[in-house]
Protein backbone atom coordinates (compact mmCIF):
# COMPACT_ATOMS: atom_id res chain seq x y z
CA MET A 1 6.01 -23.27 -37.61
CA THR A 2 7.64 -25.05 -40.56
CA SER A 3 9.53 -23.98 -43.47
CA THR A 4 7.10 -23.54 -45.49
CA ASP A 5 5.54 -20.81 -42.99
CA GLY A 6 8.78 -18.18 -43.96
CA GLY A 7 10.32 -20.56 -41.36
CA SER A 8 13.47 -18.85 -38.96
CA ASP A 9 12.60 -15.54 -41.41
CA LEU A 10 8.94 -15.18 -40.02
CA LEU A 11 8.90 -12.75 -37.00
CA LEU A 12 5.24 -12.16 -36.95
CA ARG A 13 2.19 -14.17 -36.88
CA MET A 14 -1.18 -13.72 -35.82
CA THR A 15 -4.10 -16.20 -36.14
CA ALA A 16 -7.59 -15.99 -35.94
CA VAL A 17 -7.45 -12.64 -34.17
CA SER A 18 -10.89 -11.32 -32.85
CA LYS A 19 -11.60 -8.31 -30.36
CA ARG A 20 -14.88 -6.80 -29.77
CA PHE A 21 -15.66 -3.28 -28.33
CA PRO A 22 -18.91 -2.15 -27.16
CA GLY A 23 -21.38 -2.52 -30.25
CA VAL A 24 -18.65 -3.44 -32.72
CA GLN A 25 -16.80 -6.38 -33.46
CA ALA A 26 -13.42 -4.79 -34.58
CA LEU A 27 -11.19 -7.55 -35.55
CA ASP A 28 -13.04 -11.15 -36.45
CA GLY A 29 -10.69 -14.15 -36.82
CA VAL A 30 -7.84 -12.35 -38.51
CA HIS A 31 -4.34 -13.82 -39.97
CA LEU A 32 -1.43 -11.65 -40.58
CA ASP A 33 2.56 -12.58 -40.90
CA VAL A 34 5.36 -10.45 -40.97
CA ARG A 35 8.54 -11.76 -42.16
CA ARG A 36 11.93 -10.37 -41.33
CA GLY A 37 13.45 -7.55 -44.09
CA GLU A 38 10.17 -7.04 -45.00
CA VAL A 39 7.19 -4.31 -45.37
CA VAL A 40 3.94 -5.42 -44.89
CA GLY A 41 1.05 -2.97 -46.11
CA LEU A 42 -2.32 -3.67 -43.73
CA VAL A 43 -5.00 -2.32 -46.11
CA GLY A 44 -8.67 -1.53 -45.54
CA GLU A 45 -11.53 1.71 -45.05
CA ASN A 46 -11.51 3.33 -41.70
CA GLY A 47 -13.20 1.02 -39.29
CA SER A 48 -11.68 -2.36 -40.62
CA GLY A 49 -9.83 -3.06 -37.55
CA LYS A 50 -6.78 -2.13 -39.30
CA SER A 51 -5.40 0.29 -36.23
CA THR A 52 -7.00 -2.13 -33.33
CA LEU A 53 -5.07 -4.99 -35.25
CA LEU A 54 -1.40 -2.93 -34.82
CA LYS A 55 -2.46 -2.51 -30.92
CA ILE A 56 -2.85 -5.72 -30.27
CA ALA A 57 0.64 -6.57 -31.89
CA ALA A 58 1.76 -3.79 -29.46
CA GLY A 59 0.26 -5.09 -26.34
CA ARG A 60 -2.08 -2.36 -26.09
CA HIS A 61 -5.10 -3.83 -26.47
CA ALA A 62 -5.90 -7.57 -25.35
CA ALA A 63 -7.31 -9.89 -28.02
CA ASP A 64 -10.39 -11.81 -27.01
CA ALA A 65 -9.35 -14.54 -29.26
CA GLY A 66 -6.60 -16.18 -31.39
CA GLU A 67 -3.18 -16.07 -30.66
CA LEU A 68 0.09 -13.98 -31.53
CA TRP A 69 3.21 -15.84 -31.86
CA PHE A 70 7.15 -13.44 -32.11
CA ASP A 71 10.21 -14.75 -32.83
CA GLY A 72 8.93 -18.00 -32.98
CA ARG A 73 7.22 -18.30 -29.60
CA PRO A 74 3.71 -17.48 -28.48
CA ARG A 75 3.14 -14.58 -26.60
CA SER A 76 -0.38 -14.45 -25.46
CA ALA A 77 -0.21 -11.80 -22.84
CA LEU A 78 1.58 -8.99 -24.18
CA SER A 79 2.07 -5.88 -22.62
CA PRO A 80 2.86 -2.41 -24.37
CA ALA A 81 6.16 -2.66 -21.72
CA THR A 82 6.69 -6.22 -22.77
CA ALA A 83 6.18 -5.30 -26.31
CA LEU A 84 8.56 -2.26 -26.32
CA ASP A 85 11.52 -4.88 -24.74
CA LEU A 86 10.91 -7.60 -27.23
CA GLY A 87 12.13 -4.65 -29.61
CA ILE A 88 8.34 -4.27 -31.06
CA ALA A 89 7.33 -0.52 -31.59
CA LEU A 90 3.96 1.25 -32.71
CA ILE A 91 4.43 4.78 -34.44
CA ALA A 92 0.50 5.99 -34.37
CA GLN A 93 -1.34 8.59 -36.41
CA GLU A 94 -1.81 11.15 -33.02
CA VAL A 95 2.10 12.42 -33.16
CA GLN A 96 3.38 10.94 -29.56
CA VAL A 97 6.22 13.36 -28.05
CA GLN A 98 6.13 15.34 -25.35
CA PRO A 99 5.06 18.98 -26.18
CA ARG A 100 6.89 20.83 -23.03
CA LEU A 101 10.51 19.24 -23.73
CA THR A 102 13.23 20.06 -26.00
CA VAL A 103 13.98 18.13 -29.11
CA ALA A 104 16.98 16.45 -27.20
CA GLU A 105 14.63 15.42 -24.76
CA ASN A 106 12.12 13.84 -26.53
CA LEU A 107 14.88 12.22 -28.48
CA LEU A 108 17.03 10.80 -25.85
CA ASP A 109 13.53 9.31 -24.51
CA GLY A 110 13.42 11.46 -21.70
CA ARG A 111 17.05 9.78 -20.39
CA PRO A 112 19.83 12.28 -21.05
CA PRO A 113 23.31 11.91 -20.06
CA ARG A 114 24.08 13.48 -16.54
CA ARG A 115 27.00 14.42 -14.61
CA LEU A 116 27.19 13.96 -10.69
CA GLY A 117 23.41 13.43 -10.70
CA LEU A 118 22.35 16.28 -12.73
CA ILE A 119 21.43 16.69 -16.25
CA ASP A 120 24.83 17.14 -18.62
CA TRP A 121 22.55 19.69 -21.08
CA ARG A 122 26.24 20.55 -23.19
CA ARG A 123 26.40 16.49 -23.77
CA ALA A 124 22.81 15.64 -24.02
CA ASN A 125 22.36 18.78 -26.71
CA ARG A 126 25.58 17.26 -28.65
CA ALA A 127 24.36 14.00 -28.47
CA ALA A 128 20.75 14.79 -30.08
CA GLU A 129 22.55 17.30 -32.74
CA ARG A 130 25.02 14.15 -34.15
CA GLU A 131 21.65 11.54 -34.13
CA LEU A 132 19.18 14.62 -35.66
CA ALA A 133 22.19 14.67 -38.51
CA GLU A 134 22.62 11.30 -38.94
CA LEU A 135 18.83 11.12 -39.47
CA ASP A 136 18.93 14.43 -41.90
CA LEU A 137 16.12 16.00 -39.40
CA PRO A 138 17.11 20.13 -39.52
CA LEU A 139 16.16 20.93 -35.99
CA SER A 140 17.30 22.48 -33.33
CA PRO A 141 18.18 20.11 -30.20
CA THR A 142 16.87 23.20 -27.58
CA ALA A 143 14.00 23.67 -30.22
CA LEU A 144 10.67 23.04 -27.54
CA VAL A 145 8.60 20.59 -29.33
CA GLY A 146 5.47 22.09 -28.38
CA GLU A 147 6.37 24.92 -31.03
CA LEU A 148 7.31 22.92 -33.59
CA PRO A 149 5.15 22.93 -36.57
CA LEU A 150 2.84 19.47 -36.30
CA HIS A 151 5.16 17.62 -39.66
CA GLN A 152 8.12 17.92 -37.74
CA GLN A 153 6.59 16.76 -34.31
CA GLN A 154 5.56 13.54 -36.36
CA MET A 155 9.31 13.83 -38.05
CA LEU A 156 10.79 13.69 -34.21
CA ALA A 157 8.21 10.95 -33.07
CA ILE A 158 9.41 8.33 -36.09
CA ALA A 159 13.06 9.52 -35.73
CA ARG A 160 12.99 8.47 -31.70
CA VAL A 161 11.41 5.27 -32.45
CA VAL A 162 13.53 4.65 -35.57
CA ARG A 163 16.73 5.05 -33.71
CA ARG A 164 15.97 2.03 -31.11
CA GLN A 165 16.90 0.04 -34.31
CA PRO A 166 13.35 -2.25 -33.18
CA ARG A 167 12.93 -5.53 -34.34
CA LEU A 168 9.21 -5.19 -35.42
CA VAL A 169 7.68 -1.48 -36.32
CA LEU A 170 4.34 -0.96 -36.69
CA PHE A 171 3.57 2.58 -38.54
CA ASP A 172 -0.10 3.71 -38.04
CA GLU A 173 -0.73 6.72 -40.85
CA PRO A 174 2.59 8.26 -40.22
CA THR A 175 3.05 10.36 -43.38
CA SER A 176 -0.68 11.92 -42.64
CA SER A 177 0.54 15.35 -41.57
CA LEU A 178 3.97 15.54 -43.71
CA THR A 179 4.60 16.86 -47.33
CA GLY A 180 6.35 14.58 -50.26
CA GLU A 181 9.71 15.60 -49.28
CA GLU A 182 8.97 14.54 -45.65
CA THR A 183 7.66 11.30 -46.85
CA GLU A 184 10.49 10.45 -49.08
CA HIS A 185 12.70 10.91 -45.99
CA VAL A 186 10.43 8.34 -43.81
CA TYR A 187 10.37 6.01 -46.47
CA ALA A 188 14.17 5.77 -46.96
CA MET A 189 14.15 5.29 -42.66
CA ILE A 190 11.91 2.35 -43.16
CA ARG A 191 13.84 0.75 -46.01
CA GLY A 192 16.60 1.25 -43.70
CA LEU A 193 15.06 -1.12 -41.01
CA ALA A 194 14.11 -3.89 -43.41
CA GLU A 195 17.77 -4.09 -44.98
CA ARG A 196 19.06 -4.47 -41.24
CA GLY A 197 16.18 -7.12 -40.71
CA ALA A 198 13.35 -5.48 -38.83
CA GLY A 199 10.03 -6.37 -39.62
CA VAL A 200 7.51 -3.39 -40.34
CA VAL A 201 3.32 -3.15 -40.76
CA TYR A 202 2.66 0.01 -43.01
CA ILE A 203 -1.28 1.90 -42.55
CA THR A 204 -1.64 4.49 -44.54
CA HIS A 205 -4.58 5.98 -46.78
CA ARG A 206 -3.03 7.39 -49.45
CA LEU A 207 -3.07 3.56 -51.84
CA ARG A 208 -0.01 5.02 -53.71
CA GLU A 209 2.26 5.15 -50.85
CA TYR A 210 1.62 0.92 -50.70
CA PHE A 211 3.19 0.47 -54.22
CA ASP A 212 5.86 2.79 -53.37
CA LEU A 213 6.69 1.37 -49.98
CA THR A 214 5.60 -2.41 -49.39
CA ASP A 215 6.35 -6.43 -50.44
CA ARG A 216 2.90 -7.68 -49.65
CA VAL A 217 -0.55 -5.89 -48.69
CA THR A 218 -3.03 -7.67 -45.91
CA VAL A 219 -6.39 -6.32 -46.95
CA LEU A 220 -8.83 -6.28 -44.03
CA ARG A 221 -12.95 -5.09 -44.49
CA ASP A 222 -15.67 -5.35 -42.00
CA GLY A 223 -12.75 -7.02 -39.15
CA ARG A 224 -11.95 -9.57 -41.03
CA ASP A 225 -8.86 -10.45 -43.60
CA VAL A 226 -10.42 -10.51 -47.30
CA GLY A 227 -6.64 -11.22 -48.80
CA VAL A 228 -3.53 -11.38 -49.32
CA ARG A 229 -1.25 -10.15 -52.38
CA GLU A 230 2.13 -9.73 -53.25
CA THR A 231 1.87 -5.43 -54.10
CA ALA A 232 4.15 -6.09 -57.31
CA SER A 233 1.40 -8.24 -58.59
CA VAL A 234 -1.90 -5.73 -58.20
CA ASP A 235 -3.16 -2.38 -58.77
CA GLU A 236 -4.71 0.01 -57.69
CA GLY A 237 -8.34 -0.71 -58.12
CA GLU A 238 -8.25 -4.16 -57.61
CA LEU A 239 -6.70 -2.85 -53.86
CA VAL A 240 -9.92 -0.73 -53.64
CA ARG A 241 -12.34 -3.51 -54.84
CA MET A 242 -11.22 -5.53 -51.91
CA MET A 243 -11.47 -2.90 -49.47
CA VAL A 244 -14.69 -1.94 -50.13
CA GLY A 245 -16.44 -4.87 -52.01
CA ARG A 246 -17.47 -2.33 -55.02
CA GLN A 247 -15.93 -0.80 -57.93
CA GLN A 248 -13.30 2.24 -57.29
CA VAL A 249 -14.56 5.25 -57.13
CA ALA A 250 -12.49 8.07 -58.73
CA ILE A 251 -12.57 10.38 -55.37
CA PHE A 252 -10.05 12.55 -57.30
CA GLU A 253 -11.86 12.81 -61.01
CA ARG A 254 -12.65 16.13 -61.52
CA PRO A 255 -16.41 16.84 -62.12
CA ALA A 256 -16.82 16.60 -66.08
CA ALA A 257 -16.97 20.79 -66.12
CA LYS A 258 -16.25 23.26 -63.01
CA ASP A 259 -19.26 26.08 -64.32
CA THR A 260 -17.86 28.97 -62.65
CA GLU A 261 -19.87 31.32 -64.64
CA ASP A 262 -22.69 32.19 -62.20
CA LEU A 263 -20.15 32.30 -59.55
CA THR A 264 -18.72 36.03 -60.89
CA GLU A 265 -22.09 37.54 -60.64
CA ALA A 266 -22.14 36.46 -56.95
CA PRO A 267 -21.09 38.29 -54.12
CA PRO A 268 -18.20 38.41 -52.50
CA VAL A 269 -18.93 36.85 -48.60
CA LEU A 270 -14.92 36.91 -47.66
CA GLU A 271 -12.16 39.72 -48.59
CA VAL A 272 -9.00 40.03 -47.37
CA SER A 273 -6.53 42.86 -47.88
CA GLY A 274 -2.86 43.05 -46.95
CA LEU A 275 -3.17 40.43 -44.03
CA SER A 276 -0.17 40.41 -42.73
CA SER A 277 1.65 38.80 -39.13
CA ALA A 278 4.94 37.12 -37.72
CA ARG A 279 3.74 34.28 -40.74
CA LEU A 280 2.09 36.05 -43.54
CA VAL A 281 3.24 38.57 -46.04
CA ASP A 282 0.53 41.25 -47.51
CA VAL A 283 -2.15 38.30 -48.59
CA ASP A 284 -5.11 39.39 -50.73
CA LEU A 285 -8.34 36.97 -50.93
CA ARG A 286 -11.74 37.10 -52.42
CA VAL A 287 -14.38 34.49 -51.92
CA ARG A 288 -17.63 34.41 -53.17
CA ALA A 289 -20.97 32.95 -52.08
CA GLY A 290 -21.06 29.35 -53.95
CA GLU A 291 -17.20 29.23 -54.59
CA ILE A 292 -14.55 26.74 -53.31
CA LEU A 293 -11.04 28.04 -52.97
CA GLY A 294 -8.21 25.88 -52.78
CA ILE A 295 -5.16 26.88 -51.03
CA ALA A 296 -1.88 24.99 -52.44
CA GLY A 297 1.74 25.60 -51.33
CA GLN A 298 4.62 23.43 -49.50
CA ALA A 299 5.17 23.06 -46.09
CA GLY A 300 6.10 26.18 -44.57
CA ALA A 301 4.16 27.95 -47.18
CA GLY A 302 1.98 29.90 -44.30
CA ARG A 303 -1.51 27.62 -45.91
CA THR A 304 -1.96 26.68 -42.03
CA SER A 305 -1.14 29.81 -40.97
CA LEU A 306 -3.64 31.68 -42.96
CA ALA A 307 -6.54 29.41 -42.05
CA GLU A 308 -5.93 29.79 -38.14
CA THR A 309 -5.27 34.01 -38.59
CA LEU A 310 -8.66 34.15 -40.52
CA PHE A 311 -10.08 32.27 -37.43
CA GLY A 312 -8.97 34.67 -34.97
CA ARG A 313 -5.40 32.96 -33.40
CA TRP A 314 -3.09 35.12 -34.66
CA PRO A 315 -2.48 38.97 -34.20
CA HIS A 316 -2.38 40.51 -37.74
CA THR A 317 -2.33 43.39 -39.92
CA GLY A 318 -4.50 43.94 -42.71
CA THR A 319 -8.29 44.29 -43.40
CA VAL A 320 -10.86 41.43 -43.47
CA ARG A 321 -14.54 41.79 -44.16
CA VAL A 322 -17.12 39.39 -44.16
CA ALA A 323 -20.48 40.25 -46.06
CA GLY A 324 -19.44 43.20 -46.99
CA ARG A 325 -18.60 44.42 -43.30
CA GLN A 326 -15.21 45.11 -41.98
CA VAL A 327 -14.42 42.29 -38.77
CA SER A 328 -11.82 42.46 -35.81
CA LEU A 329 -10.54 39.32 -35.84
CA THR A 330 -8.93 39.36 -32.19
CA SER A 331 -9.93 36.33 -31.40
CA PRO A 332 -11.83 32.75 -32.44
CA ARG A 333 -14.82 34.16 -30.80
CA THR A 334 -15.13 37.12 -32.87
CA ALA A 335 -14.41 35.30 -35.77
CA MET A 336 -17.29 32.85 -34.97
CA ASP A 337 -19.34 35.99 -34.22
CA ALA A 338 -18.54 37.00 -38.00
CA GLY A 339 -19.79 34.01 -39.21
CA ILE A 340 -16.13 32.39 -39.93
CA ALA A 341 -15.84 28.35 -38.69
CA LEU A 342 -12.46 26.68 -38.56
CA VAL A 343 -11.98 23.07 -39.16
CA PRO A 344 -8.30 22.67 -38.25
CA GLU A 345 -5.92 19.81 -39.35
CA ASP A 346 -5.39 18.32 -36.65
CA ARG A 347 -8.96 16.95 -35.62
CA LYS A 348 -8.28 14.93 -32.36
CA ARG A 349 -6.40 17.94 -30.90
CA ALA A 350 -8.03 20.69 -31.44
CA GLY A 351 -11.11 20.00 -33.01
CA LEU A 352 -12.99 17.37 -31.31
CA VAL A 353 -12.88 16.47 -27.34
CA LEU A 354 -12.79 12.43 -28.07
CA SER A 355 -13.79 11.80 -24.52
CA MET A 356 -16.91 13.55 -25.11
CA SER A 357 -19.69 12.13 -26.71
CA VAL A 358 -20.51 12.83 -30.35
CA GLN A 359 -23.93 14.87 -29.37
CA GLU A 360 -21.21 16.81 -26.75
CA ASN A 361 -19.08 17.54 -29.75
CA LEU A 362 -21.54 18.40 -32.23
CA ALA A 363 -22.89 20.65 -29.86
CA MET A 364 -20.37 22.80 -28.64
CA ALA A 365 -19.93 25.20 -31.26
CA SER A 366 -23.62 26.45 -31.05
CA LEU A 367 -24.33 25.91 -27.78
CA SER A 368 -25.80 29.72 -27.27
CA ARG A 369 -28.00 29.49 -30.13
CA ARG A 370 -30.41 27.20 -28.45
CA ALA A 371 -30.03 28.62 -24.70
CA ARG A 372 -32.69 30.18 -22.99
CA TRP A 373 -31.18 32.95 -20.34
CA GLY A 374 -28.13 31.03 -20.75
CA ILE A 375 -29.63 27.65 -19.83
CA ARG A 376 -28.82 24.77 -21.84
CA ARG A 377 -32.12 23.26 -23.72
CA PRO A 378 -31.76 19.53 -23.76
CA ALA A 379 -34.33 18.42 -26.22
CA PRO A 380 -33.84 21.41 -29.05
CA GLU A 381 -29.54 20.10 -28.66
CA SER A 382 -30.94 17.09 -29.00
CA ALA A 383 -33.25 17.28 -32.05
CA ALA A 384 -30.36 19.60 -33.85
CA THR A 385 -27.77 16.84 -33.43
CA ALA A 386 -29.60 14.53 -34.41
CA ARG A 387 -30.83 16.07 -37.63
CA ILE A 388 -27.06 17.12 -38.84
CA ALA A 389 -26.03 13.66 -37.66
CA ARG A 390 -28.05 12.12 -40.13
CA GLU A 391 -27.76 14.82 -42.84
CA LEU A 392 -24.28 13.52 -42.56
CA SER A 393 -24.55 10.42 -42.25
CA VAL A 394 -22.45 10.23 -38.81
CA LYS A 395 -21.83 6.06 -38.30
CA ALA A 396 -22.54 5.49 -34.79
CA ALA A 397 -24.29 3.10 -32.29
CA SER A 398 -25.56 6.17 -30.69
CA LEU A 399 -25.06 9.65 -30.14
CA ASP A 400 -24.33 9.18 -26.83
CA VAL A 401 -20.70 7.25 -27.30
CA ALA A 402 -17.43 8.96 -26.92
CA ALA A 403 -16.18 10.42 -30.23
CA GLY A 404 -12.69 8.63 -30.14
CA THR A 405 -14.51 5.49 -30.49
CA LEU A 406 -15.41 6.55 -34.21
CA SER A 407 -13.20 6.10 -37.13
CA GLY A 408 -11.33 8.86 -38.36
CA GLY A 409 -14.13 9.43 -41.24
CA ASN A 410 -17.05 9.64 -38.63
CA GLN A 411 -15.11 12.41 -36.42
CA GLN A 412 -14.64 14.41 -39.53
CA LYS A 413 -18.18 14.86 -40.19
CA ILE A 414 -18.78 15.31 -36.92
CA ALA A 415 -16.03 18.08 -36.41
CA ILE A 416 -17.75 19.59 -39.69
CA GLY A 417 -20.98 19.53 -38.14
CA LYS A 418 -20.62 21.35 -34.79
CA TRP A 419 -19.97 24.18 -37.42
CA LEU A 420 -22.61 23.77 -39.38
CA LEU A 421 -25.24 24.25 -36.23
CA ASN A 422 -23.57 27.36 -36.14
CA ASP A 423 -24.70 28.54 -39.70
CA PRO A 424 -21.50 30.33 -40.73
CA ARG A 425 -21.13 31.92 -43.77
CA VAL A 426 -17.38 31.04 -44.36
CA LEU A 427 -15.91 27.44 -44.34
CA VAL A 428 -12.08 26.80 -43.55
CA LEU A 429 -11.07 23.30 -44.09
CA ASP A 430 -7.93 22.39 -43.17
CA GLU A 431 -6.54 19.17 -44.35
CA PRO A 432 -9.97 17.79 -44.64
CA THR A 433 -9.58 14.45 -45.35
CA ARG A 434 -6.28 14.09 -43.21
CA GLY A 435 -6.57 10.37 -42.19
CA VAL A 436 -9.65 9.40 -44.02
CA ASP A 437 -10.17 6.68 -46.32
CA VAL A 438 -11.65 6.54 -49.86
CA GLY A 439 -15.24 5.89 -48.69
CA ALA A 440 -15.23 8.33 -46.44
CA LYS A 441 -13.12 10.81 -48.60
CA ALA A 442 -15.39 10.67 -51.21
CA GLU A 443 -18.19 11.68 -49.12
CA ILE A 444 -16.54 14.54 -47.60
CA TYR A 445 -16.08 15.95 -50.69
CA ALA A 446 -19.64 15.26 -51.97
CA LEU A 447 -20.49 17.70 -48.54
CA VAL A 448 -18.35 20.15 -49.08
CA GLU A 449 -19.36 20.74 -52.80
CA GLU A 450 -23.07 20.37 -51.22
CA LEU A 451 -22.44 23.21 -48.92
CA ALA A 452 -20.92 25.55 -52.02
CA ARG A 453 -24.14 25.13 -53.62
CA ARG A 454 -25.91 26.29 -50.52
CA GLY A 455 -24.52 29.64 -50.72
CA LEU A 456 -21.31 28.61 -48.56
CA ALA A 457 -17.96 30.41 -49.09
CA VAL A 458 -15.43 27.08 -48.69
CA VAL A 459 -11.78 27.50 -48.22
CA VAL A 460 -10.06 24.23 -48.63
CA VAL A 461 -6.69 24.35 -47.16
CA SER A 462 -4.75 20.62 -48.26
CA SER A 463 -1.42 19.10 -48.95
CA GLU A 464 -2.97 16.23 -51.59
CA LEU A 465 -2.68 18.53 -54.80
CA LEU A 466 -5.16 16.07 -56.15
CA GLU A 467 -7.67 17.34 -53.51
CA VAL A 468 -7.39 20.88 -54.22
CA LEU A 469 -7.62 19.95 -57.88
CA ARG A 470 -10.76 17.77 -57.32
CA LEU A 471 -12.78 20.62 -55.15
CA ALA A 472 -11.66 23.78 -55.85
CA HIS A 473 -12.89 26.33 -58.29
CA ARG A 474 -9.98 28.78 -58.18
CA VAL A 475 -6.80 27.69 -56.60
CA VAL A 476 -4.55 30.34 -54.94
CA VAL A 477 -0.86 29.14 -54.21
CA MET A 478 1.02 30.24 -51.40
CA ALA A 479 5.17 30.64 -50.80
CA LYS A 480 6.89 32.02 -48.31
CA GLY A 481 3.84 33.42 -46.23
CA ARG A 482 2.43 35.24 -49.27
CA VAL A 483 0.46 34.59 -52.15
CA VAL A 484 2.59 33.86 -55.43
CA GLY A 485 -0.32 32.72 -57.91
CA GLU A 486 -3.70 31.76 -58.64
CA GLU A 487 -5.40 29.67 -61.72
CA PRO A 488 -8.81 28.67 -62.11
CA GLY A 489 -9.88 24.66 -60.98
CA ALA A 490 -10.87 24.24 -64.35
CA VAL A 491 -7.42 24.31 -65.96
CA ALA A 492 -4.87 24.09 -63.06
CA THR A 493 -2.74 20.83 -63.21
CA GLU A 494 -0.13 19.50 -60.70
CA GLU A 495 2.61 20.47 -63.03
CA SER A 496 1.13 24.38 -62.95
CA ILE A 497 0.77 24.17 -59.63
CA THR A 498 3.69 22.42 -58.39
CA ARG A 499 5.79 25.08 -60.76
CA LEU A 500 4.10 28.47 -58.84
CA ALA A 501 4.77 26.81 -55.18
CA PHE A 502 8.82 26.16 -56.16
CA THR A 503 9.92 29.17 -57.95
CA ALA A 504 7.83 31.65 -55.39
CA PRO A 505 10.01 35.08 -55.50
CA GLU A 506 12.39 35.63 -52.18
CA PRO A 507 10.10 38.35 -49.92
CA GLU A 508 11.68 41.89 -49.43
CA HIS A 509 11.87 40.88 -46.06
CA HIS A 510 12.86 37.57 -44.20
CA ARG A 511 9.64 36.78 -41.94
CA LYS A 512 9.41 33.07 -40.41
CA ALA A 513 7.04 30.83 -42.45
CA ALA A 514 4.55 28.52 -41.23
CA GLY A 515 2.06 26.04 -42.72
């Protein structure tokens, strides 16, 4: 390698890398360079090959063709273990923690200090406490990780990697479950890594993050690299055109008019009165047929707790009516029987079974509807799942492939589609486009609006204010487990929603809040 290649500053070079999986060419002759102290953005739609490229760099996949150089030497037979030994770390979108261990055990990589062959818990917790303080993470060393909210688990996973001071860090959607404040915290960690001379590769579906954080971007489309740009010299429109090969779709541009006049005449489908739990305080809601109700608020506001309580996951008091009939939501089954469906924020763990086929995932919520005397009927099931896959434009080689092999956008369509086969009255969507690219995001928005036009009552919970404003006829703002304000979607703004979220009054009694 010559000085024109970056000389001794060049840390990673991948040349002409190709990778094929059954039925799809994931990568086709891709190049990627990363220099020491540089943050490189890897940009592209779902299915463009970004994650596959990172997994090859981390030794988790073997390339079919091409070369990988690290620190000036060829690394043709890289494995996960050798990658870690070299100082290459991958932080995936899926939270990588051990839920049955404590924060201290996770942070210390399962190797806490010992004394006389036994774990010295006092020293372990003190060591973890010091590191958490240095990383500015407000977590208890003794907390069980599986009981933490998803966003705190992700922060812990990132901190565990950063503390090792790796030489190259590969971030695949690290902020997809994080709040704005936590995202800024991750930015600071990444800038600290770069200042120490580490190389960073960064993937996100939030385009603004590339401009906030990266020095250069490499754009992939359909498994090929289509260009490298200095971030300072490119704008969002050009990036999207490179990604999709067409002009940008203004996905966050609200329709010319959010007509709510007809909705005021529609009957209420979901009525919630005085809903309280360990995480909610006296919540009142009403959603009419054909209406999209947006739920906004900061992390810890109770947004996800509300969604899960409506799906029967948490004990609660208060009254819930669906289509005028009072229902007792003591379990997800009772919620399903009442006509309530929930697409959870973590689709890969709670929404789908990734090892099962597309057809099996689509059919799982409505098996009893097509069974006869308790016995599944393959023909009606195949017909129904094929129909919904066509309606939602699910892109898969066949319905027999594993759901885990599909892009995030297609997985999310399946997570929604399985409930549509159950004919719900109320559809609750928690973070409906998390980890979804620009094109798929636009498709999901169109689908949500079409479902509302068909008469469903739709509840959209999202940490992206622009998403809530794009979709909602009304926006309800939560803080500290309670509803603190409401605005019509047509007039609500980022500023007005944020003001409501941050100026919420203290509750009369302290309650644990989670979002």
